[in-house]
Amino acid sequence: GWDSVLSILQVPSGITVATVALNGATNAGILAAKIVGTFDEKVSENLQNYQDSLKEKVLGTVEDIKIQHPNNFDN
């Protein structure tokens, strides 16, 4: 809760702290994979593939919306 957030904000310089959203297990996993991926090429490649798949999913959703609502994208 807030006690945790406030204590993280007051960590002194020189102490590394990484935070993710409450109930943010996916982002915590991605952060951990990024850290491990700096030393493990296979983890880094898998993470890149996962992030590329997310990008393609978002772009596909944008195209679906454009098809379903073409009048909202007239220039």
PDB file of N, CA and C in Angstrom:
ATOM      1  N   GLY A   1       0.795  -1.173   0.000  1.00  0.00           N
ATOM      2  CA  GLY A   1       0.000   0.000   0.000  1.00  0.00           C
ATOM      3  C   GLY A   1       0.851   1.255   0.000  1.00  0.00           C
ATOM      4  N   TRP A   2       0.254   2.313   0.500  1.00  0.00           N
ATOM      5  CA  TRP A   2       0.920   3.608   0.508  1.00  0.00           C
ATOM      6  C   TRP A   2       2.186   3.630   1.342  1.00  0.00           C
ATOM      7  N   ASP A   3       2.212   2.893   2.447  1.00  0.00           N
ATOM      8  CA  ASP A   3       3.425   2.871   3.274  1.00  0.00           C
ATOM      9  C   ASP A   3       4.621   2.407   2.450  1.00  0.00           C
ATOM     10  N   SER A   4       4.396   1.390   1.636  1.00  0.00           N
ATOM     11  CA  SER A   4       5.464   0.866   0.789  1.00  0.00           C
ATOM     12  C   SER A   4       5.892   1.895  -0.254  1.00  0.00           C
ATOM     13  N   VAL A   5       4.916   2.511  -0.902  1.00  0.00           N
ATOM     14  CA  VAL A   5       5.223   3.517  -1.928  1.00  0.00           C
ATOM     15  C   VAL A   5       6.026   4.663  -1.320  1.00  0.00           C
ATOM     16  N   LEU A   6       5.570   5.166  -0.191  1.00  0.00           N
ATOM     17  CA  LEU A   6       6.258   6.293   0.423  1.00  0.00           C
ATOM     18  C   LEU A   6       7.661   5.925   0.891  1.00  0.00           C
ATOM     19  N   SER A   7       7.840   4.706   1.378  1.00  0.00           N
ATOM     20  CA  SER A   7       9.184   4.307   1.810  1.00  0.00           C
ATOM     21  C   SER A   7      10.127   4.182   0.621  1.00  0.00           C
ATOM     22  N   ILE A   8       9.623   3.722  -0.520  1.00  0.00           N
ATOM     23  CA  ILE A   8      10.451   3.620  -1.729  1.00  0.00           C
ATOM     24  C   ILE A   8      10.876   5.011  -2.194  1.00  0.00           C
ATOM     25  N   LEU A   9       9.968   5.968  -2.109  1.00  0.00           N
ATOM     26  CA  LEU A   9      10.284   7.329  -2.545  1.00  0.00           C
ATOM     27  C   LEU A   9      11.355   7.986  -1.684  1.00  0.00           C
ATOM     28  N   GLN A  10      11.557   7.473  -0.483  1.00  0.00           N
ATOM     29  CA  GLN A  10      12.517   8.083   0.434  1.00  0.00           C
ATOM     30  C   GLN A  10      13.834   7.312   0.526  1.00  0.00           C
ATOM     31  N   VAL A  11      14.056   6.361  -0.369  1.00  0.00           N
ATOM     32  CA  VAL A  11      15.302   5.596  -0.362  1.00  0.00           C
ATOM     33  C   VAL A  11      16.453   6.541  -0.699  1.00  0.00           C
ATOM     34  N   PRO A  12      17.543   6.472   0.054  1.00  0.00           N
ATOM     35  CA  PRO A  12      18.654   7.391  -0.195  1.00  0.00           C
ATOM     36  C   PRO A  12      19.388   7.091  -1.501  1.00  0.00           C
ATOM     37  N   SER A  13      20.092   8.088  -2.001  1.00  0.00           N
ATOM     38  CA  SER A  13      20.889   7.920  -3.219  1.00  0.00           C
ATOM     39  C   SER A  13      21.870   6.769  -3.048  1.00  0.00           C
ATOM     40  N   GLY A  14      22.114   6.062  -4.124  1.00  0.00           N
ATOM     41  CA  GLY A  14      23.054   4.949  -4.097  1.00  0.00           C
ATOM     42  C   GLY A  14      22.387   3.604  -3.868  1.00  0.00           C
ATOM     43  N   ILE A  15      21.121   3.606  -3.486  1.00  0.00           N
ATOM     44  CA  ILE A  15      20.364   2.368  -3.293  1.00  0.00           C
ATOM     45  C   ILE A  15      19.424   2.233  -4.486  1.00  0.00           C
ATOM     46  N   THR A  16      19.639   1.209  -5.297  1.00  0.00           N
ATOM     47  CA  THR A  16      18.823   1.009  -6.488  1.00  0.00           C
ATOM     48  C   THR A  16      17.475   0.412  -6.107  1.00  0.00           C
ATOM     49  N   VAL A  17      16.420   1.017  -6.626  1.00  0.00           N
ATOM     50  CA  VAL A  17      15.063   0.542  -6.360  1.00  0.00           C
ATOM     51  C   VAL A  17      14.307   0.498  -7.680  1.00  0.00           C
ATOM     52  N   ALA A  18      13.647  -0.598  -7.938  1.00  0.00           N
ATOM     53  CA  ALA A  18      12.791  -0.708  -9.115  1.00  0.00           C
ATOM     54  C   ALA A  18      11.373  -0.944  -8.622  1.00  0.00           C
ATOM     55  N   THR A  19      10.438  -0.215  -9.185  1.00  0.00           N
ATOM     56  CA  THR A  19       9.056  -0.370  -8.759  1.00  0.00           C
ATOM     57  C   THR A  19       8.170  -0.681  -9.952  1.00  0.00           C
ATOM     58  N   VAL A  20       7.126  -1.427  -9.690  1.00  0.00           N
ATOM     59  CA  VAL A  20       6.088  -1.691 -10.680  1.00  0.00           C
ATOM     60  C   VAL A  20       4.751  -1.458  -9.998  1.00  0.00           C
ATOM     61  N   ALA A  21       3.705  -1.404 -10.774  1.00  0.00           N
ATOM     62  CA  ALA A  21       2.374  -1.138 -10.249  1.00  0.00           C
ATOM     63  C   ALA A  21       1.941  -2.233  -9.281  1.00  0.00           C
ATOM     64  N   LEU A  22       1.083  -1.849  -8.362  1.00  0.00           N
ATOM     65  CA  LEU A  22       0.466  -2.854  -7.504  1.00  0.00           C
ATOM     66  C   LEU A  22      -0.300  -3.815  -8.406  1.00  0.00           C
ATOM     67  N   ASN A  23      -0.231  -5.090  -8.128  1.00  0.00           N
ATOM     68  CA  ASN A  23      -0.832  -6.133  -8.969  1.00  0.00           C
ATOM     69  C   ASN A  23      -0.236  -6.126 -10.375  1.00  0.00           C
ATOM     70  N   GLY A  24       1.030  -5.743 -10.482  1.00  0.00           N
ATOM     71  CA  GLY A  24       1.693  -5.653 -11.781  1.00  0.00           C
ATOM     72  C   GLY A  24       2.677  -6.790 -11.998  1.00  0.00           C
ATOM     73  N   ALA A  25       2.229  -8.016 -11.802  1.00  0.00           N
ATOM     74  CA  ALA A  25       3.126  -9.167 -11.905  1.00  0.00           C
ATOM     75  C   ALA A  25       3.745  -9.296 -13.290  1.00  0.00           C
ATOM     76  N   THR A  26       2.989  -8.994 -14.330  1.00  0.00           N
ATOM     77  CA  THR A  26       3.535  -9.100 -15.686  1.00  0.00           C
ATOM     78  C   THR A  26       4.700  -8.136 -15.861  1.00  0.00           C
ATOM     79  N   ASN A  27       4.505  -6.890 -15.448  1.00  0.00           N
ATOM     80  CA  ASN A  27       5.585  -5.915 -15.581  1.00  0.00           C
ATOM     81  C   ASN A  27       6.770  -6.257 -14.682  1.00  0.00           C
ATOM     82  N   ALA A  28       6.506  -6.824 -13.518  1.00  0.00           N
ATOM     83  CA  ALA A  28       7.597  -7.257 -12.647  1.00  0.00           C
ATOM     84  C   ALA A  28       8.401  -8.363 -13.326  1.00  0.00           C
ATOM     85  N   GLY A  29       7.713  -9.274 -13.985  1.00  0.00           N
ATOM     86  CA  GLY A  29       8.396 -10.341 -14.709  1.00  0.00           C
ATOM     87  C   GLY A  29       9.222  -9.808 -15.861  1.00  0.00           C
ATOM     88  N   ILE A  30       8.676  -8.827 -16.581  1.00  0.00           N
ATOM     89  CA  ILE A  30       9.420  -8.215 -17.685  1.00  0.00           C
ATOM     90  C   ILE A  30      10.659  -7.510 -17.158  1.00  0.00           C
ATOM     91  N   LEU A  31      10.521  -6.793 -16.060  1.00  0.00           N
ATOM     92  CA  LEU A  31      11.669  -6.124 -15.462  1.00  0.00           C
ATOM     93  C   LEU A  31      12.736  -7.139 -15.062  1.00  0.00           C
ATOM     94  N   ALA A  32      12.325  -8.216 -14.427  1.00  0.00           N
ATOM     95  CA  ALA A  32      13.280  -9.257 -14.036  1.00  0.00           C
ATOM     96  C   ALA A  32      13.957  -9.866 -15.263  1.00  0.00           C
ATOM     97  N   ALA A  33      13.181 -10.113 -16.317  1.00  0.00           N
ATOM     98  CA  ALA A  33      13.751 -10.675 -17.541  1.00  0.00           C
ATOM     99  C   ALA A  33      14.744  -9.713 -18.185  1.00  0.00           C
ATOM    100  N   LYS A  34      14.451  -8.409 -18.121  1.00  0.00           N
ATOM    101  CA  LYS A  34      15.398  -7.437 -18.663  1.00  0.00           C
ATOM    102  C   LYS A  34      16.715  -7.473 -17.894  1.00  0.00           C
ATOM    103  N   ILE A  35      16.625  -7.606 -16.591  1.00  0.00           N
ATOM    104  CA  ILE A  35      17.843  -7.665 -15.778  1.00  0.00           C
ATOM    105  C   ILE A  35      18.616  -8.935 -16.095  1.00  0.00           C
ATOM    106  N   VAL A  36      17.938 -10.074 -16.080  1.00  0.00           N
ATOM    107  CA  VAL A  36      18.600 -11.352 -16.379  1.00  0.00           C
ATOM    108  C   VAL A  36      19.110 -11.353 -17.816  1.00  0.00           C
ATOM    109  N   GLY A  37      18.334 -10.730 -18.720  1.00  0.00           N
ATOM    110  CA  GLY A  37      18.703 -10.693 -20.132  1.00  0.00           C
ATOM    111  C   GLY A  37      19.990  -9.946 -20.420  1.00  0.00           C
ATOM    112  N   THR A  38      20.439  -9.115 -19.492  1.00  0.00           N
ATOM    113  CA  THR A  38      21.714  -8.442 -19.709  1.00  0.00           C
ATOM    114  C   THR A  38      22.878  -9.426 -19.653  1.00  0.00           C
ATOM    115  N   PHE A  39      22.639 -10.596 -19.063  1.00  0.00           N
ATOM    116  CA  PHE A  39      23.685 -11.621 -18.946  1.00  0.00           C
ATOM    117  C   PHE A  39      23.357 -12.903 -19.696  1.00  0.00           C
ATOM    118  N   ASP A  40      22.107 -13.066 -20.096  1.00  0.00           N
ATOM    119  CA  ASP A  40      21.667 -14.309 -20.741  1.00  0.00           C
ATOM    120  C   ASP A  40      21.006 -13.961 -22.071  1.00  0.00           C
ATOM    121  N   GLU A  41      21.702 -14.261 -23.163  1.00  0.00           N
ATOM    122  CA  GLU A  41      21.223 -13.880 -24.487  1.00  0.00           C
ATOM    123  C   GLU A  41      19.891 -14.529 -24.833  1.00  0.00           C
ATOM    124  N   LYS A  42      19.674 -15.770 -24.415  1.00  0.00           N
ATOM    125  CA  LYS A  42      18.421 -16.459 -24.717  1.00  0.00           C
ATOM    126  C   LYS A  42      17.239 -15.752 -24.048  1.00  0.00           C
ATOM    127  N   VAL A  43      17.398 -15.338 -22.799  1.00  0.00           N
ATOM    128  CA  VAL A  43      16.341 -14.599 -22.099  1.00  0.00           C
ATOM    129  C   VAL A  43      16.087 -13.285 -22.822  1.00  0.00           C
ATOM    130  N   SER A  44      17.143 -12.600 -23.216  1.00  0.00           N
ATOM    131  CA  SER A  44      17.007 -11.339 -23.934  1.00  0.00           C
ATOM    132  C   SER A  44      16.248 -11.522 -25.245  1.00  0.00           C
ATOM    133  N   GLU A  45      16.568 -12.576 -25.990  1.00  0.00           N
ATOM    134  CA  GLU A  45      15.883 -12.857 -27.260  1.00  0.00           C
ATOM    135  C   GLU A  45      14.413 -13.170 -27.024  1.00  0.00           C
ATOM    136  N   ASN A  46      14.124 -13.988 -26.014  1.00  0.00           N
ATOM    137  CA  ASN A  46      12.732 -14.335 -25.712  1.00  0.00           C
ATOM    138  C   ASN A  46      11.932 -13.102 -25.302  1.00  0.00           C
ATOM    139  N   LEU A  47      12.546 -12.241 -24.524  1.00  0.00           N
ATOM    140  CA  LEU A  47      11.874 -11.016 -24.105  1.00  0.00           C
ATOM    141  C   LEU A  47      11.605 -10.127 -25.314  1.00  0.00           C
ATOM    142  N   GLN A  48      12.568 -10.002 -26.201  1.00  0.00           N
ATOM    143  CA  GLN A  48      12.370  -9.190 -27.406  1.00  0.00           C
ATOM    144  C   GLN A  48      11.236  -9.757 -28.250  1.00  0.00           C
ATOM    145  N   ASN A  49      11.185 -11.076 -28.400  1.00  0.00           N
ATOM    146  CA  ASN A  49      10.095 -11.711 -29.155  1.00  0.00           C
ATOM    147  C   ASN A  49       8.739 -11.417 -28.509  1.00  0.00           C
ATOM    148  N   TYR A  50       8.689 -11.481 -27.177  1.00  0.00           N
ATOM    149  CA  TYR A  50       7.447 -11.192 -26.457  1.00  0.00           C
ATOM    150  C   TYR A  50       7.030  -9.741 -26.689  1.00  0.00           C
ATOM    151  N   GLN A  51       7.979  -8.822 -26.568  1.00  0.00           N
ATOM    152  CA  GLN A  51       7.651  -7.413 -26.758  1.00  0.00           C
ATOM    153  C   GLN A  51       7.243  -7.122 -28.207  1.00  0.00           C
ATOM    154  N   ASP A  52       7.866  -7.792 -29.164  1.00  0.00           N
ATOM    155  CA  ASP A  52       7.472  -7.639 -30.569  1.00  0.00           C
ATOM    156  C   ASP A  52       6.040  -8.136 -30.775  1.00  0.00           C
ATOM    157  N   SER A  53       5.685  -9.242 -30.105  1.00  0.00           N
ATOM    158  CA  SER A  53       4.324  -9.774 -30.237  1.00  0.00           C
ATOM    159  C   SER A  53       3.304  -8.800 -29.652  1.00  0.00           C
ATOM    160  N   LEU A  54       3.671  -8.111 -28.576  1.00  0.00           N
ATOM    161  CA  LEU A  54       2.769  -7.109 -28.000  1.00  0.00           C
ATOM    162  C   LEU A  54       2.566  -5.950 -28.972  1.00  0.00           C
ATOM    163  N   LYS A  55       3.647  -5.547 -29.609  1.00  0.00           N
ATOM    164  CA  LYS A  55       3.565  -4.453 -30.587  1.00  0.00           C
ATOM    165  C   LYS A  55       2.636  -4.845 -31.734  1.00  0.00           C
ATOM    166  N   GLU A  56       2.805  -6.050 -32.244  1.00  0.00           N
ATOM    167  CA  GLU A  56       1.953  -6.519 -33.346  1.00  0.00           C
ATOM    168  C   GLU A  56       0.494  -6.601 -32.906  1.00  0.00           C
ATOM    169  N   LYS A  57       0.255  -7.008 -31.682  1.00  0.00           N
ATOM    170  CA  LYS A  57      -1.113  -7.085 -31.160  1.00  0.00           C
ATOM    171  C   LYS A  57      -1.750  -5.702 -31.122  1.00  0.00           C
ATOM    172  N   VAL A  58      -1.009  -4.721 -30.640  1.00  0.00           N
ATOM    173  CA  VAL A  58      -1.524  -3.350 -30.568  1.00  0.00           C
ATOM    174  C   VAL A  58      -1.795  -2.811 -31.970  1.00  0.00           C
ATOM    175  N   LEU A  59      -0.855  -3.000 -32.885  1.00  0.00           N
ATOM    176  CA  LEU A  59      -1.042  -2.511 -34.249  1.00  0.00           C
ATOM    177  C   LEU A  59      -2.227  -3.195 -34.920  1.00  0.00           C
ATOM    178  N   GLY A  60      -2.421  -4.474 -34.649  1.00  0.00           N
ATOM    179  CA  GLY A  60      -3.576  -5.193 -35.182  1.00  0.00           C
ATOM    180  C   GLY A  60      -4.882  -4.647 -34.632  1.00  0.00           C
ATOM    181  N   THR A  61      -4.886  -4.306 -33.362  1.00  0.00           N
ATOM    182  CA  THR A  61      -6.079  -3.724 -32.742  1.00  0.00           C
ATOM    183  C   THR A  61      -6.399  -2.372 -33.369  1.00  0.00           C
ATOM    184  N   VAL A  62      -5.375  -1.572 -33.629  1.00  0.00           N
ATOM    185  CA  VAL A  62      -5.580  -0.269 -34.268  1.00  0.00           C
ATOM    186  C   VAL A  62      -6.217  -0.459 -35.642  1.00  0.00           C
ATOM    187  N   GLU A  63      -5.720  -1.416 -36.399  1.00  0.00           N
ATOM    188  CA  GLU A  63      -6.286  -1.679 -37.734  1.00  0.00           C
ATOM    189  C   GLU A  63      -7.735  -2.144 -37.622  1.00  0.00           C
ATOM    190  N   ASP A  64      -8.036  -2.997 -36.650  1.00  0.00           N
ATOM    191  CA  ASP A  64      -9.417  -3.455 -36.446  1.00  0.00           C
ATOM    192  C   ASP A  64     -10.338  -2.283 -36.137  1.00  0.00           C
ATOM    193  N   ILE A  65      -9.876  -1.363 -35.302  1.00  0.00           N
ATOM    194  CA  ILE A  65     -10.683  -0.193 -34.952  1.00  0.00           C
ATOM    195  C   ILE A  65     -10.909   0.685 -36.185  1.00  0.00           C
ATOM    196  N   LYS A  66      -9.877   0.852 -36.995  1.00  0.00           N
ATOM    197  CA  LYS A  66     -10.018   1.659 -38.213  1.00  0.00           C
ATOM    198  C   LYS A  66     -11.053   1.053 -39.153  1.00  0.00           C
ATOM    199  N   ILE A  67     -11.088  -0.259 -39.237  1.00  0.00           N
ATOM    200  CA  ILE A  67     -12.053  -0.932 -40.106  1.00  0.00           C
ATOM    201  C   ILE A  67     -13.465  -0.790 -39.548  1.00  0.00           C
ATOM    202  N   GLN A  68     -13.608  -0.936 -38.236  1.00  0.00           N
ATOM    203  CA  GLN A  68     -14.927  -0.885 -37.602  1.00  0.00           C
ATOM    204  C   GLN A  68     -15.477   0.540 -37.517  1.00  0.00           C
ATOM    205  N   HIS A  69     -14.593   1.533 -37.463  1.00  0.00           N
ATOM    206  CA  HIS A  69     -15.008   2.924 -37.295  1.00  0.00           C
ATOM    207  C   HIS A  69     -14.263   3.829 -38.279  1.00  0.00           C
ATOM    208  N   PRO A  70     -14.463   3.630 -39.570  1.00  0.00           N
ATOM    209  CA  PRO A  70     -13.682   4.376 -40.569  1.00  0.00           C
ATOM    210  C   PRO A  70     -13.893   5.886 -40.525  1.00  0.00           C
ATOM    211  N   ASN A  71     -15.063   6.353 -40.110  1.00  0.00           N
ATOM    212  CA  ASN A  71     -15.330   7.790 -40.094  1.00  0.00           C
ATOM    213  C   ASN A  71     -14.500   8.523 -39.048  1.00  0.00           C
ATOM    214  N   ASN A  72     -13.993   7.817 -38.063  1.00  0.00           N
ATOM    215  CA  ASN A  72     -13.180   8.450 -37.024  1.00  0.00           C
ATOM    216  C   ASN A  72     -11.738   8.708 -37.468  1.00  0.00           C
ATOM    217  N   PHE A  73     -11.387   8.213 -38.653  1.00  0.00           N
ATOM    218  CA  PHE A  73      -9.997   8.345 -39.102  1.00  0.00           C
ATOM    219  C   PHE A  73      -9.881   9.096 -40.421  1.00  0.00           C
ATOM    220  N   ASP A  74     -10.923   9.825 -40.796  1.00  0.00           N
ATOM    221  CA  ASP A  74     -10.852  10.652 -42.013  1.00  0.00           C
ATOM    222  C   ASP A  74      -9.918  11.818 -41.773  1.00  0.00           C
ATOM    223  N   ASN A  75      -9.149  12.162 -42.792  1.00  0.00           N
ATOM    224  CA  ASN A  75      -8.228  13.319 -42.675  1.00  0.00           C
ATOM    225  C   ASN A  75      -8.785  14.525 -43.341  1.00  0.00           C
TER     226      ASN A  75
END
